[in-house]
């Protein structure tokens, strides 16, 4: 999830938007601290369209997916051919 400085967009104040998964972040070359363009997908769900690379100052940081679950402390893994990283405890219980 991206946490944004609140902005008005098509009648809503947007302060959060989904980033889908690790591949989406890499594909869009998104970094922590980027200025981004957002739009409403289907007039409802806010999404990041792209980062404004020309506004980068050099202080932006690569986003790294956690290797440890922030909730329970178990390893978080991304299985081959899957787009998402999961806590191994949640994976075992599903």
PDB file of N, CA and C in Angstrom:
ATOM      1  N   UNK A   1       0.837  -1.173   0.000  1.00  0.00           N
ATOM      2  CA  UNK A   1       0.000   0.000   0.000  1.00  0.00           C
ATOM      3  C   UNK A   1       0.887   1.243   0.000  1.00  0.00           C
ATOM      4  N   UNK A   2       0.502   2.216  -0.795  1.00  0.00           N
ATOM      5  CA  UNK A   2       1.204   3.498  -0.800  1.00  0.00           C
ATOM      6  C   UNK A   2       0.466   4.451   0.133  1.00  0.00           C
ATOM      7  N   UNK A   3       1.209   5.107   0.995  1.00  0.00           N
ATOM      8  CA  UNK A   3       0.660   6.141   1.863  1.00  0.00           C
ATOM      9  C   UNK A   3       1.038   7.465   1.210  1.00  0.00           C
ATOM     10  N   UNK A   4       0.031   8.266   0.879  1.00  0.00           N
ATOM     11  CA  UNK A   4       0.241   9.490   0.116  1.00  0.00           C
ATOM     12  C   UNK A   4      -0.070  10.724   0.947  1.00  0.00           C
ATOM     13  N   UNK A   5       0.517  11.845   0.539  1.00  0.00           N
ATOM     14  CA  UNK A   5       0.058  13.112   1.069  1.00  0.00           C
ATOM     15  C   UNK A   5      -1.358  13.270   0.535  1.00  0.00           C
ATOM     16  N   UNK A   6      -2.346  13.552   1.374  1.00  0.00           N
ATOM     17  CA  UNK A   6      -3.729  13.613   0.888  1.00  0.00           C
ATOM     18  C   UNK A   6      -3.895  14.593  -0.282  1.00  0.00           C
ATOM     19  N   UNK A   7      -4.661  14.145  -1.277  1.00  0.00           N
ATOM     20  CA  UNK A   7      -4.918  14.953  -2.469  1.00  0.00           C
ATOM     21  C   UNK A   7      -6.365  14.740  -2.894  1.00  0.00           C
ATOM     22  N   UNK A   8      -6.998  15.805  -3.377  1.00  0.00           N
ATOM     23  CA  UNK A   8      -8.371  15.696  -3.892  1.00  0.00           C
ATOM     24  C   UNK A   8      -8.321  15.127  -5.308  1.00  0.00           C
ATOM     25  N   UNK A   9      -9.158  14.138  -5.571  1.00  0.00           N
ATOM     26  CA  UNK A   9      -9.224  13.511  -6.890  1.00  0.00           C
ATOM     27  C   UNK A   9     -10.662  13.110  -7.171  1.00  0.00           C
ATOM     28  N   UNK A  10     -11.259  13.737  -8.162  1.00  0.00           N
ATOM     29  CA  UNK A  10     -12.619  13.415  -8.591  1.00  0.00           C
ATOM     30  C   UNK A  10     -13.598  13.322  -7.421  1.00  0.00           C
ATOM     31  N   UNK A  11     -13.540  14.323  -6.530  1.00  0.00           N
ATOM     32  CA  UNK A  11     -14.499  14.395  -5.434  1.00  0.00           C
ATOM     33  C   UNK A  11     -14.131  13.615  -4.184  1.00  0.00           C
ATOM     34  N   UNK A  12     -12.973  12.961  -4.189  1.00  0.00           N
ATOM     35  CA  UNK A  12     -12.530  12.195  -3.009  1.00  0.00           C
ATOM     36  C   UNK A  12     -11.176  12.707  -2.547  1.00  0.00           C
ATOM     37  N   UNK A  13     -10.893  12.538  -1.263  1.00  0.00           N
ATOM     38  CA  UNK A  13      -9.555  12.814  -0.752  1.00  0.00           C
ATOM     39  C   UNK A  13      -8.831  11.481  -0.686  1.00  0.00           C
ATOM     40  N   UNK A  14      -7.742  11.381  -1.421  1.00  0.00           N
ATOM     41  CA  UNK A  14      -6.986  10.135  -1.519  1.00  0.00           C
ATOM     42  C   UNK A  14      -5.723  10.257  -0.663  1.00  0.00           C
ATOM     43  N   UNK A  15      -5.535   9.293   0.247  1.00  0.00           N
ATOM     44  CA  UNK A  15      -4.321   9.278   1.075  1.00  0.00           C
ATOM     45  C   UNK A  15      -3.644   7.913   1.060  1.00  0.00           C
ATOM     46  N   UNK A  16      -4.295   6.919   0.473  1.00  0.00           N
ATOM     47  CA  UNK A  16      -3.737   5.567   0.358  1.00  0.00           C
ATOM     48  C   UNK A  16      -4.153   4.979  -0.981  1.00  0.00           C
ATOM     49  N   UNK A  17      -3.305   4.143  -1.516  1.00  0.00           N
ATOM     50  CA  UNK A  17      -3.649   3.422  -2.734  1.00  0.00           C
ATOM     51  C   UNK A  17      -2.913   2.092  -2.750  1.00  0.00           C
ATOM     52  N   UNK A  18      -3.491   1.098  -3.372  1.00  0.00           N
ATOM     53  CA  UNK A  18      -2.865  -0.213  -3.440  1.00  0.00           C
ATOM     54  C   UNK A  18      -1.698  -0.199  -4.425  1.00  0.00           C
ATOM     55  N   UNK A  19      -0.708  -1.010  -4.147  1.00  0.00           N
ATOM     56  CA  UNK A  19       0.416  -1.179  -5.073  1.00  0.00           C
ATOM     57  C   UNK A  19       0.446  -2.610  -5.605  1.00  0.00           C
ATOM     58  N   UNK A  20      -0.602  -3.357  -5.375  1.00  0.00           N
ATOM     59  CA  UNK A  20      -0.805  -4.712  -5.899  1.00  0.00           C
ATOM     60  C   UNK A  20       0.201  -5.728  -5.381  1.00  0.00           C
ATOM     61  N   UNK A  21       1.446  -5.668  -5.869  1.00  0.00           N
ATOM     62  CA  UNK A  21       2.445  -6.652  -5.456  1.00  0.00           C
ATOM     63  C   UNK A  21       3.852  -6.158  -5.805  1.00  0.00           C
ATOM     64  N   UNK A  22       4.825  -6.958  -5.442  1.00  0.00           N
ATOM     65  CA  UNK A  22       6.242  -6.625  -5.638  1.00  0.00           C
ATOM     66  C   UNK A  22       6.571  -6.360  -7.108  1.00  0.00           C
ATOM     67  N   UNK A  23       6.005  -7.150  -8.018  1.00  0.00           N
ATOM     68  CA  UNK A  23       6.267  -6.970  -9.454  1.00  0.00           C
ATOM     69  C   UNK A  23       5.744  -5.630  -9.955  1.00  0.00           C
ATOM     70  N   UNK A  24       4.573  -5.216  -9.472  1.00  0.00           N
ATOM     71  CA  UNK A  24       3.982  -3.935  -9.862  1.00  0.00           C
ATOM     72  C   UNK A  24       4.902  -2.786  -9.451  1.00  0.00           C
ATOM     73  N   UNK A  25       5.443  -2.861  -8.242  1.00  0.00           N
ATOM     74  CA  UNK A  25       6.342  -1.815  -7.740  1.00  0.00           C
ATOM     75  C   UNK A  25       7.589  -1.721  -8.604  1.00  0.00           C
ATOM     76  N   UNK A  26       8.160  -2.863  -8.951  1.00  0.00           N
ATOM     77  CA  UNK A  26       9.366  -2.882  -9.795  1.00  0.00           C
ATOM     78  C   UNK A  26       9.052  -2.424 -11.214  1.00  0.00           C
ATOM     79  N   UNK A  27       7.937  -2.880 -11.760  1.00  0.00           N
ATOM     80  CA  UNK A  27       7.544  -2.513 -13.129  1.00  0.00           C
ATOM     81  C   UNK A  27       7.369  -0.999 -13.272  1.00  0.00           C
ATOM     82  N   UNK A  28       6.784  -0.376 -12.259  1.00  0.00           N
ATOM     83  CA  UNK A  28       6.556   1.071 -12.280  1.00  0.00           C
ATOM     84  C   UNK A  28       7.773   1.860 -11.795  1.00  0.00           C
ATOM     85  N   UNK A  29       8.829   1.152 -11.346  1.00  0.00           N
ATOM     86  CA  UNK A  29      10.049   1.777 -10.811  1.00  0.00           C
ATOM     87  C   UNK A  29       9.695   2.772  -9.708  1.00  0.00           C
ATOM     88  N   UNK A  30       8.866   2.307  -8.760  1.00  0.00           N
ATOM     89  CA  UNK A  30       8.432   3.164  -7.660  1.00  0.00           C
ATOM     90  C   UNK A  30       9.420   3.085  -6.510  1.00  0.00           C
ATOM     91  N   UNK A  31       9.682   4.228  -5.900  1.00  0.00           N
ATOM     92  CA  UNK A  31      10.592   4.307  -4.771  1.00  0.00           C
ATOM     93  C   UNK A  31       9.895   5.030  -3.620  1.00  0.00           C
ATOM     94  N   UNK A  32      10.307   4.711  -2.411  1.00  0.00           N
ATOM     95  CA  UNK A  32       9.783   5.399  -1.226  1.00  0.00           C
ATOM     96  C   UNK A  32      10.205   6.860  -1.331  1.00  0.00           C
ATOM     97  N   UNK A  33       9.230   7.765  -1.263  1.00  0.00           N
ATOM     98  CA  UNK A  33       9.505   9.200  -1.358  1.00  0.00           C
ATOM     99  C   UNK A  33       9.226   9.791  -2.725  1.00  0.00           C
ATOM    100  N   UNK A  34       8.848   8.954  -3.709  1.00  0.00           N
ATOM    101  CA  UNK A  34       8.546   9.451  -5.054  1.00  0.00           C
ATOM    102  C   UNK A  34       7.315  10.342  -5.078  1.00  0.00           C
ATOM    103  N   UNK A  35       7.289  11.276  -6.019  1.00  0.00           N
ATOM    104  CA  UNK A  35       6.068  11.972  -6.413  1.00  0.00           C
ATOM    105  C   UNK A  35       5.434  11.061  -7.459  1.00  0.00           C
ATOM    106  N   UNK A  36       4.127  10.878  -7.392  1.00  0.00           N
ATOM    107  CA  UNK A  36       3.468   9.963  -8.320  1.00  0.00           C
ATOM    108  C   UNK A  36       2.220  10.593  -8.924  1.00  0.00           C
ATOM    109  N   UNK A  37       1.821  10.037 -10.041  1.00  0.00           N
ATOM    110  CA  UNK A  37       0.543  10.379 -10.665  1.00  0.00           C
ATOM    111  C   UNK A  37      -0.428   9.271 -10.272  1.00  0.00           C
ATOM    112  N   UNK A  38      -1.610   9.670  -9.789  1.00  0.00           N
ATOM    113  CA  UNK A  38      -2.631   8.680  -9.451  1.00  0.00           C
ATOM    114  C   UNK A  38      -3.876   8.953 -10.277  1.00  0.00           C
ATOM    115  N   UNK A  39      -4.679   7.926 -10.414  1.00  0.00           N
ATOM    116  CA  UNK A  39      -5.974   8.055 -11.075  1.00  0.00           C
ATOM    117  C   UNK A  39      -6.936   7.101 -10.383  1.00  0.00           C
ATOM    118  N   UNK A  40      -8.202   7.285 -10.648  1.00  0.00           N
ATOM    119  CA  UNK A  40      -9.194   6.360 -10.129  1.00  0.00           C
ATOM    120  C   UNK A  40      -9.461   5.320 -11.207  1.00  0.00           C
ATOM    121  N   UNK A  41      -9.257   4.068 -10.862  1.00  0.00           N
ATOM    122  CA  UNK A  41      -9.545   2.972 -11.784  1.00  0.00           C
ATOM    123  C   UNK A  41     -11.045   2.713 -11.731  1.00  0.00           C
ATOM    124  N   UNK A  42     -11.706   2.813 -12.862  1.00  0.00           N
ATOM    125  CA  UNK A  42     -13.149   2.612 -12.873  1.00  0.00           C
ATOM    126  C   UNK A  42     -13.887   3.639 -12.040  1.00  0.00           C
ATOM    127  N   UNK A  43     -13.350   4.840 -11.910  1.00  0.00           N
ATOM    128  CA  UNK A  43     -13.939   5.931 -11.141  1.00  0.00           C
ATOM    129  C   UNK A  43     -14.088   5.635  -9.649  1.00  0.00           C
ATOM    130  N   UNK A  44     -13.437   4.576  -9.155  1.00  0.00           N
ATOM    131  CA  UNK A  44     -13.605   4.225  -7.752  1.00  0.00           C
ATOM    132  C   UNK A  44     -12.272   4.028  -7.034  1.00  0.00           C
ATOM    133  N   UNK A  45     -11.485   3.064  -7.470  1.00  0.00           N
ATOM    134  CA  UNK A  45     -10.281   2.657  -6.754  1.00  0.00           C
ATOM    135  C   UNK A  45      -9.077   3.488  -7.195  1.00  0.00           C
ATOM    136  N   UNK A  46      -8.411   4.182  -6.243  1.00  0.00           N
ATOM    137  CA  UNK A  46      -7.223   4.948  -6.627  1.00  0.00           C
ATOM    138  C   UNK A  46      -6.060   4.019  -6.942  1.00  0.00           C
ATOM    139  N   UNK A  47      -5.304   4.347  -8.000  1.00  0.00           N
ATOM    140  CA  UNK A  47      -4.132   3.558  -8.358  1.00  0.00           C
ATOM    141  C   UNK A  47      -2.991   4.471  -8.771  1.00  0.00           C
ATOM    142  N   UNK A  48      -1.766   4.006  -8.538  1.00  0.00           N
ATOM    143  CA  UNK A  48      -0.584   4.736  -8.971  1.00  0.00           C
ATOM    144  C   UNK A  48      -0.370   4.438 -10.444  1.00  0.00           C
ATOM    145  N   UNK A  49      -0.267   5.490 -11.242  1.00  0.00           N
ATOM    146  CA  UNK A  49      -0.044   5.337 -12.677  1.00  0.00           C
ATOM    147  C   UNK A  49       1.448   5.300 -12.973  1.00  0.00           C
ATOM    148  N   UNK A  50       2.180   6.255 -12.409  1.00  0.00           N
ATOM    149  CA  UNK A  50       3.618   6.307 -12.632  1.00  0.00           C
ATOM    150  C   UNK A  50       4.266   7.233 -11.613  1.00  0.00           C
ATOM    151  N   UNK A  51       5.588   7.100 -11.501  1.00  0.00           N
ATOM    152  CA  UNK A  51       6.339   8.030 -10.659  1.00  0.00           C
ATOM    153  C   UNK A  51       6.861   9.152 -11.543  1.00  0.00           C
ATOM    154  N   UNK A  52       7.056  10.300 -10.934  1.00  0.00           N
ATOM    155  CA  UNK A  52       7.607  11.449 -11.655  1.00  0.00           C
ATOM    156  C   UNK A  52       9.109  11.480 -11.392  1.00  0.00           C
ATOM    157  N   UNK A  53       9.836  10.725 -12.195  1.00  0.00           N
ATOM    158  CA  UNK A  53      11.279  10.562 -11.990  1.00  0.00           C
ATOM    159  C   UNK A  53      12.038  11.878 -12.041  1.00  0.00           C
ATOM    160  N   UNK A  54      11.524  12.837 -12.816  1.00  0.00           N
ATOM    161  CA  UNK A  54      12.201  14.135 -12.918  1.00  0.00           C
ATOM    162  C   UNK A  54      12.151  14.913 -11.606  1.00  0.00           C
ATOM    163  N   UNK A  55      11.283  14.509 -10.678  1.00  0.00           N
ATOM    164  CA  UNK A  55      11.192  15.179  -9.374  1.00  0.00           C
ATOM    165  C   UNK A  55      12.047  14.494  -8.311  1.00  0.00           C
ATOM    166  N   UNK A  56      12.737  13.419  -8.666  1.00  0.00           N
ATOM    167  CA  UNK A  56      13.571  12.716  -7.694  1.00  0.00           C
ATOM    168  C   UNK A  56      14.739  13.588  -7.258  1.00  0.00           C
ATOM    169  N   UNK A  57      15.040  13.503  -5.967  1.00  0.00           N
ATOM    170  CA  UNK A  57      16.125  14.297  -5.389  1.00  0.00           C
ATOM    171  C   UNK A  57      17.354  13.454  -5.074  1.00  0.00           C
ATOM    172  N   UNK A  58      17.217  12.157  -5.148  1.00  0.00           N
ATOM    173  CA  UNK A  58      18.292  11.262  -4.756  1.00  0.00           C
ATOM    174  C   UNK A  58      18.093  10.722  -3.348  1.00  0.00           C
ATOM    175  N   UNK A  59      17.125  11.272  -2.637  1.00  0.00           N
ATOM    176  CA  UNK A  59      16.835  10.803  -1.280  1.00  0.00           C
ATOM    177  C   UNK A  59      15.816   9.667  -1.263  1.00  0.00           C
ATOM    178  N   UNK A  60      15.210   9.359  -2.424  1.00  0.00           N
ATOM    179  CA  UNK A  60      14.238   8.278  -2.506  1.00  0.00           C
ATOM    180  C   UNK A  60      14.959   6.952  -2.258  1.00  0.00           C
ATOM    181  N   UNK A  61      14.205   5.975  -1.756  1.00  0.00           N
ATOM    182  CA  UNK A  61      14.794   4.678  -1.420  1.00  0.00           C
ATOM    183  C   UNK A  61      14.057   3.564  -2.138  1.00  0.00           C
ATOM    184  N   UNK A  62      14.796   2.527  -2.520  1.00  0.00           N
ATOM    185  CA  UNK A  62      14.184   1.331  -3.080  1.00  0.00           C
ATOM    186  C   UNK A  62      13.274   0.725  -2.019  1.00  0.00           C
ATOM    187  N   UNK A  63      12.120   0.240  -2.428  1.00  0.00           N
ATOM    188  CA  UNK A  63      11.234  -0.455  -1.502  1.00  0.00           C
ATOM    189  C   UNK A  63      11.662  -1.917  -1.450  1.00  0.00           C
ATOM    190  N   UNK A  64      11.777  -2.455  -0.265  1.00  0.00           N
ATOM    191  CA  UNK A  64      12.117  -3.858  -0.102  1.00  0.00           C
ATOM    192  C   UNK A  64      11.002  -4.557   0.651  1.00  0.00           C
ATOM    193  N   UNK A  65      10.510  -5.630   0.052  1.00  0.00           N
ATOM    194  CA  UNK A  65       9.462  -6.406   0.710  1.00  0.00           C
ATOM    195  C   UNK A  65      10.047  -7.037   1.965  1.00  0.00           C
ATOM    196  N   UNK A  66       9.290  -7.081   3.047  1.00  0.00           N
ATOM    197  CA  UNK A  66       9.808  -7.681   4.277  1.00  0.00           C
ATOM    198  C   UNK A  66      10.006  -9.192   4.119  1.00  0.00           C
ATOM    199  N   UNK A  67      11.092  -9.676   4.663  1.00  0.00           N
ATOM    200  CA  UNK A  67      11.347 -11.112   4.649  1.00  0.00           C
ATOM    201  C   UNK A  67      10.817 -11.769   5.919  1.00  0.00           C
ATOM    202  N   UNK A  68      10.416 -10.916   6.869  1.00  0.00           N
ATOM    203  CA  UNK A  68       9.838 -11.380   8.137  1.00  0.00           C
ATOM    204  C   UNK A  68       8.444 -10.776   8.264  1.00  0.00           C
ATOM    205  N   UNK A  69       7.468 -11.591   8.617  1.00  0.00           N
ATOM    206  CA  UNK A  69       6.090 -11.120   8.808  1.00  0.00           C
ATOM    207  C   UNK A  69       6.072 -10.087   9.930  1.00  0.00           C
ATOM    208  N   UNK A  70       5.553  -8.878   9.660  1.00  0.00           N
ATOM    209  CA  UNK A  70       5.521  -7.846  10.705  1.00  0.00           C
ATOM    210  C   UNK A  70       4.505  -8.138  11.807  1.00  0.00           C
ATOM    211  N   UNK A  71       3.616  -9.094  11.603  1.00  0.00           N
ATOM    212  CA  UNK A  71       2.594  -9.421  12.592  1.00  0.00           C
ATOM    213  C   UNK A  71       3.089 -10.482  13.577  1.00  0.00           C
ATOM    214  N   UNK A  72       3.655 -11.590  13.039  1.00  0.00           N
ATOM    215  CA  UNK A  72       4.008 -12.704  13.935  1.00  0.00           C
ATOM    216  C   UNK A  72       5.492 -13.033  13.986  1.00  0.00           C
ATOM    217  N   UNK A  73       6.306 -12.457  13.075  1.00  0.00           N
ATOM    218  CA  UNK A  73       7.743 -12.696  13.098  1.00  0.00           C
ATOM    219  C   UNK A  73       8.208 -13.932  12.349  1.00  0.00           C
ATOM    220  N   UNK A  74       7.285 -14.661  11.735  1.00  0.00           N
ATOM    221  CA  UNK A  74       7.659 -15.835  10.934  1.00  0.00           C
ATOM    222  C   UNK A  74       8.214 -15.371   9.583  1.00  0.00           C
ATOM    223  N   UNK A  75       8.953 -16.229   8.891  1.00  0.00           N
ATOM    224  CA  UNK A  75       9.444 -15.847   7.568  1.00  0.00           C
ATOM    225  C   UNK A  75       8.292 -15.553   6.601  1.00  0.00           C
ATOM    226  N   UNK A  76       8.502 -14.570   5.756  1.00  0.00           N
ATOM    227  CA  UNK A  76       7.557 -14.247   4.678  1.00  0.00           C
ATOM    228  C   UNK A  76       8.243 -14.634   3.378  1.00  0.00           C
ATOM    229  N   UNK A  77       7.615 -15.503   2.602  1.00  0.00           N
ATOM    230  CA  UNK A  77       8.266 -16.014   1.392  1.00  0.00           C
ATOM    231  C   UNK A  77       7.412 -15.767   0.154  1.00  0.00           C
ATOM    232  N   UNK A  78       8.104 -15.732  -0.968  1.00  0.00           N
ATOM    233  CA  UNK A  78       7.423 -15.637  -2.262  1.00  0.00           C
ATOM    234  C   UNK A  78       7.748 -16.918  -3.013  1.00  0.00           C
ATOM    235  N   UNK A  79       6.726 -17.710  -3.232  1.00  0.00           N
ATOM    236  CA  UNK A  79       6.942 -18.978  -3.902  1.00  0.00           C
ATOM    237  C   UNK A  79       7.115 -18.774  -5.392  1.00  0.00           C
ATOM    238  N   UNK A  80       7.845 -19.683  -6.012  1.00  0.00           N
ATOM    239  CA  UNK A  80       8.106 -19.636  -7.443  1.00  0.00           C
ATOM    240  C   UNK A  80       6.774 -19.542  -8.193  1.00  0.00           C
ATOM    241  N   UNK A  81       6.742 -18.700  -9.218  1.00  0.00           N
ATOM    242  CA  UNK A  81       5.574 -18.510 -10.087  1.00  0.00           C
ATOM    243  C   UNK A  81       4.391 -17.828  -9.395  1.00  0.00           C
ATOM    244  N   UNK A  82       4.616 -17.206  -8.213  1.00  0.00           N
ATOM    245  CA  UNK A  82       3.561 -16.454  -7.544  1.00  0.00           C
ATOM    246  C   UNK A  82       3.951 -14.988  -7.475  1.00  0.00           C
ATOM    247  N   UNK A  83       2.974 -14.108  -7.439  1.00  0.00           N
ATOM    248  CA  UNK A  83       3.230 -12.670  -7.426  1.00  0.00           C
ATOM    249  C   UNK A  83       3.288 -12.086  -6.026  1.00  0.00           C
ATOM    250  N   UNK A  84       2.798 -12.828  -5.035  1.00  0.00           N
ATOM    251  CA  UNK A  84       2.735 -12.252  -3.693  1.00  0.00           C
ATOM    252  C   UNK A  84       3.635 -12.985  -2.699  1.00  0.00           C
ATOM    253  N   UNK A  85       4.022 -12.263  -1.680  1.00  0.00           N
ATOM    254  CA  UNK A  85       4.822 -12.811  -0.583  1.00  0.00           C
ATOM    255  C   UNK A  85       3.858 -13.095   0.561  1.00  0.00           C
ATOM    256  N   UNK A  86       4.024 -14.241   1.199  1.00  0.00           N
ATOM    257  CA  UNK A  86       3.115 -14.645   2.274  1.00  0.00           C
ATOM    258  C   UNK A  86       3.883 -15.076   3.508  1.00  0.00           C
ATOM    259  N   UNK A  87       3.265 -14.852   4.638  1.00  0.00           N
ATOM    260  CA  UNK A  87       3.768 -15.364   5.909  1.00  0.00           C
ATOM    261  C   UNK A  87       3.623 -16.888   5.873  1.00  0.00           C
ATOM    262  N   UNK A  88       4.658 -17.616   6.267  1.00  0.00           N
ATOM    263  CA  UNK A  88       4.559 -19.067   6.200  1.00  0.00           C
ATOM    264  C   UNK A  88       3.510 -19.602   7.173  1.00  0.00           C
ATOM    265  N   UNK A  89       3.266 -18.913   8.262  1.00  0.00           N
ATOM    266  CA  UNK A  89       2.225 -19.366   9.204  1.00  0.00           C
ATOM    267  C   UNK A  89       0.858 -19.222   8.567  1.00  0.00           C
ATOM    268  N   UNK A  90       0.606 -18.116   7.862  1.00  0.00           N
ATOM    269  CA  UNK A  90      -0.694 -17.944   7.187  1.00  0.00           C
ATOM    270  C   UNK A  90      -0.839 -18.912   6.029  1.00  0.00           C
ATOM    271  N   UNK A  91       0.257 -19.210   5.344  1.00  0.00           N
ATOM    272  CA  UNK A  91       0.217 -20.146   4.223  1.00  0.00           C
ATOM    273  C   UNK A  91      -0.159 -21.530   4.711  1.00  0.00           C
ATOM    274  N   UNK A  92       0.372 -21.937   5.866  1.00  0.00           N
ATOM    275  CA  UNK A  92       0.098 -23.282   6.396  1.00  0.00           C
ATOM    276  C   UNK A  92      -1.337 -23.411   6.861  1.00  0.00           C
ATOM    277  N   UNK A  93      -1.948 -22.306   7.313  1.00  0.00           N
ATOM    278  CA  UNK A  93      -3.310 -22.403   7.842  1.00  0.00           C
ATOM    279  C   UNK A  93      -4.378 -22.248   6.770  1.00  0.00           C
ATOM    280  N   UNK A  94      -3.993 -21.881   5.529  1.00  0.00           N
ATOM    281  CA  UNK A  94      -5.012 -21.708   4.482  1.00  0.00           C
ATOM    282  C   UNK A  94      -5.203 -22.936   3.657  1.00  0.00           C
TER     283      UNK A  94
END
